[in-house]
C-alpha atoms as a PDB file:
ATOM      1  CA  MET A   1     -83.225  28.342  73.624  1.00  0.00           C
ATOM      2  CA  THR A   2     -85.210  30.683  75.864  1.00  0.00           C
ATOM      3  CA  MET A   3     -85.107  34.465  75.595  1.00  0.00           C
ATOM      4  CA  GLU A   4     -83.229  34.641  78.912  1.00  0.00           C
ATOM      5  CA  ALA A   5     -80.592  32.167  77.692  1.00  0.00           C
ATOM      6  CA  LYS A   6     -80.159  34.145  74.461  1.00  0.00           C
ATOM      7  CA  LEU A   7     -79.765  37.365  76.424  1.00  0.00           C
ATOM      8  CA  LEU A   8     -77.051  35.861  78.627  1.00  0.00           C
ATOM      9  CA  SER A   9     -75.303  34.320  75.626  1.00  0.00           C
ATOM     10  CA  HIS A  10     -75.283  37.660  73.770  1.00  0.00           C
ATOM     11  CA  LEU A  11     -73.931  39.445  76.857  1.00  0.00           C
ATOM     12  CA  GLY A  12     -71.081  36.928  77.050  1.00  0.00           C
ATOM     13  CA  LEU A  13     -70.295  37.498  73.371  1.00  0.00           C
ATOM     14  CA  CYS A  14     -70.359  41.252  73.939  1.00  0.00           C
ATOM     15  CA  MET A  15     -67.905  40.874  76.847  1.00  0.00           C
ATOM     16  CA  ARG A  16     -65.514  38.815  74.731  1.00  0.00           C
ATOM     17  CA  ALA A  17     -65.684  41.498  72.036  1.00  0.00           C
ATOM     18  CA  GLY A  18     -64.681  44.137  74.598  1.00  0.00           C
ATOM     19  CA  LYS A  19     -67.899  46.121  74.211  1.00  0.00           C
ATOM     20  CA  LEU A  20     -69.250  45.750  77.752  1.00  0.00           C
ATOM     21  CA  ALA A  21     -68.686  47.887  80.854  1.00  0.00           C
ATOM     22  CA  THR A  22     -69.059  46.167  84.226  1.00  0.00           C
ATOM     23  CA  GLY A  23     -68.983  47.258  87.829  1.00  0.00           C
ATOM     24  CA  GLU A  24     -70.753  50.241  89.325  1.00  0.00           C
ATOM     25  CA  GLU A  25     -68.108  52.810  88.396  1.00  0.00           C
ATOM     26  CA  GLY A  26     -67.556  51.364  84.908  1.00  0.00           C
ATOM     27  CA  VAL A  27     -71.260  51.392  84.088  1.00  0.00           C
ATOM     28  CA  MET A  28     -71.778  54.916  85.455  1.00  0.00           C
ATOM     29  CA  ASN A  29     -68.776  56.229  83.504  1.00  0.00           C
ATOM     30  CA  ALA A  30     -70.091  54.613  80.306  1.00  0.00           C
ATOM     31  CA  ILE A  31     -73.500  56.234  80.826  1.00  0.00           C
ATOM     32  CA  ARG A  32     -72.049  59.680  81.588  1.00  0.00           C
ATOM     33  CA  SER A  33     -69.627  59.607  78.651  1.00  0.00           C
ATOM     34  CA  GLY A  34     -72.311  58.569  76.173  1.00  0.00           C
ATOM     35  CA  GLU A  35     -70.632  55.234  75.387  1.00  0.00           C
ATOM     36  CA  ALA A  36     -73.464  53.145  76.879  1.00  0.00           C
ATOM     37  CA  LYS A  37     -76.192  52.226  74.407  1.00  0.00           C
ATOM     38  CA  LEU A  38     -78.063  49.818  76.703  1.00  0.00           C
ATOM     39  CA  VAL A  39     -77.877  49.073  80.432  1.00  0.00           C
ATOM     40  CA  VAL A  40     -78.907  45.643  81.715  1.00  0.00           C
ATOM     41  CA  LEU A  41     -80.011  45.728  85.360  1.00  0.00           C
ATOM     42  CA  ALA A  42     -80.492  42.626  87.523  1.00  0.00           C
ATOM     43  CA  LEU A  43     -84.033  41.908  88.673  1.00  0.00           C
ATOM     44  CA  ASP A  44     -82.771  41.330  92.219  1.00  0.00           C
ATOM     45  CA  ALA A  45     -80.996  44.701  92.467  1.00  0.00           C
ATOM     46  CA  SER A  46     -81.709  46.743  95.592  1.00  0.00           C
ATOM     47  CA  ALA A  47     -84.281  49.525  95.482  1.00  0.00           C
ATOM     48  CA  ASN A  48     -81.508  52.100  95.834  1.00  0.00           C
ATOM     49  CA  ALA A  49     -79.539  50.639  92.910  1.00  0.00           C
ATOM     50  CA  ARG A  50     -82.676  50.435  90.762  1.00  0.00           C
ATOM     51  CA  LYS A  51     -83.469  54.105  91.393  1.00  0.00           C
ATOM     52  CA  LYS A  52     -79.888  55.189  90.730  1.00  0.00           C
ATOM     53  CA  TYR A  53     -79.625  53.373  87.386  1.00  0.00           C
ATOM     54  CA  ARG A  54     -83.163  54.276  86.268  1.00  0.00           C
ATOM     55  CA  ASP A  55     -82.589  57.966  87.010  1.00  0.00           C
ATOM     56  CA  LYS A  56     -79.154  58.034  85.370  1.00  0.00           C
ATOM     57  CA  CYS A  57     -80.407  56.207  82.259  1.00  0.00           C
ATOM     58  CA  ALA A  58     -83.420  58.501  82.000  1.00  0.00           C
ATOM     59  CA  SER A  59     -81.360  61.675  82.262  1.00  0.00           C
ATOM     60  CA  TYR A  60     -78.790  60.480  79.686  1.00  0.00           C
ATOM     61  CA  ARG A  61     -81.419  58.801  77.462  1.00  0.00           C
ATOM     62  CA  VAL A  62     -79.930  55.309  77.633  1.00  0.00           C
ATOM     63  CA  ALA A  63     -82.194  52.271  77.180  1.00  0.00           C
ATOM     64  CA  LEU A  64     -82.620  50.159  80.317  1.00  0.00           C
ATOM     65  CA  LEU A  65     -83.428  46.445  80.345  1.00  0.00           C
ATOM     66  CA  GLU A  66     -84.219  44.635  83.576  1.00  0.00           C
ATOM     67  CA  ALA A  67     -83.498  40.922  83.321  1.00  0.00           C
ATOM     68  CA  SER A  68     -81.971  37.924  85.055  1.00  0.00           C
ATOM     69  CA  THR A  69     -80.317  37.815  88.471  1.00  0.00           C
ATOM     70  CA  ARG A  70     -77.036  39.342  89.597  1.00  0.00           C
ATOM     71  CA  GLY A  71     -75.453  35.880  89.810  1.00  0.00           C
ATOM     72  CA  GLU A  72     -76.467  34.969  86.255  1.00  0.00           C
ATOM     73  CA  LEU A  73     -75.335  38.339  84.873  1.00  0.00           C
ATOM     74  CA  GLY A  74     -71.943  37.906  86.513  1.00  0.00           C
ATOM     75  CA  ALA A  75     -71.567  34.297  85.391  1.00  0.00           C
ATOM     76  CA  CYS A  76     -72.341  35.049  81.748  1.00  0.00           C
ATOM     77  CA  VAL A  77     -69.488  37.573  81.573  1.00  0.00           C
ATOM     78  CA  GLY A  78     -67.032  35.496  83.612  1.00  0.00           C
ATOM     79  CA  LYS A  79     -67.102  37.659  86.728  1.00  0.00           C
ATOM     80  CA  LEU A  80     -68.615  37.557  90.195  1.00  0.00           C
ATOM     81  CA  GLU A  81     -72.120  38.909  90.741  1.00  0.00           C
ATOM     82  CA  ARG A  82     -72.963  41.980  88.673  1.00  0.00           C
ATOM     83  CA  VAL A  83     -75.953  44.226  89.313  1.00  0.00           C
ATOM     84  CA  ALA A  84     -75.586  46.208  86.074  1.00  0.00           C
ATOM     85  CA  LEU A  85     -73.830  45.865  82.730  1.00  0.00           C
ATOM     86  CA  ALA A  86     -73.510  48.551  80.060  1.00  0.00           C
ATOM     87  CA  VAL A  87     -73.438  47.566  76.384  1.00  0.00           C
ATOM     88  CA  CYS A  88     -71.212  50.043  74.520  1.00  0.00           C
ATOM     89  CA  ASP A  89     -71.929  49.059  70.906  1.00  0.00           C
ATOM     90  CA  ASP A  90     -74.986  49.898  68.790  1.00  0.00           C
ATOM     91  CA  GLY A  91     -75.091  46.509  67.060  1.00  0.00           C
ATOM     92  CA  PHE A  92     -74.913  44.531  70.294  1.00  0.00           C
ATOM     93  CA  ALA A  93     -77.453  46.860  71.925  1.00  0.00           C
ATOM     94  CA  ARG A  94     -79.935  46.214  69.102  1.00  0.00           C
ATOM     95  CA  LEU A  95     -79.246  42.464  69.224  1.00  0.00           C
ATOM     96  CA  ILE A  96     -79.716  42.278  72.990  1.00  0.00           C
ATOM     97  CA  GLY A  97     -82.540  44.807  73.250  1.00  0.00           C
ATOM     98  CA  LYS A  98     -84.721  43.544  70.368  1.00  0.00           C
ATOM     99  CA  GLY A  99     -87.946  44.999  71.646  1.00  0.00           C
ATOM    100  CA  GLN A 100     -87.209  44.025  75.257  1.00  0.00           C
ATOM    101  CA  ALA A 101     -85.895  47.386  76.467  1.00  0.00           C
ATOM    102  CA  LYS A 102     -88.408  49.237  78.581  1.00  0.00           C
ATOM    103  CA  PRO A 103     -88.473  53.022  78.540  1.00  0.00           C
ATOM    104  CA  THR A 104     -87.012  54.357  81.754  1.00  0.00           C
ATOM    105  CA  GLU A 105     -89.288  56.313  84.019  1.00  0.00           C
ATOM    106  CA  VAL A 106     -89.202  57.335  87.633  1.00  0.00           C
ATOM    107  CA  LYS A 107     -92.031  56.005  89.759  1.00  0.00           C
END
């Protein structure tokens, strides 16, 4: 099983456990409230979306992982396309992040 497949599988498990925030407003609320432990951002997100999530994660000190496509992220959680997902559990964040999370920085 590839790293990408494991990531998507873990995100699906996280969704079934009720520890995942989806949708733009849901993810932003999770970041602002401190619930988000890790944000997964699609590689094919627009430049504007990338900047918004990178800046928000940097200011609230939330780990950011860029992986997969919006279609794959949506499919793994049983929804339509998703640009960002917020993991709201420390255990799942460690499991999913395992050394893959990149420190957020503004370019």
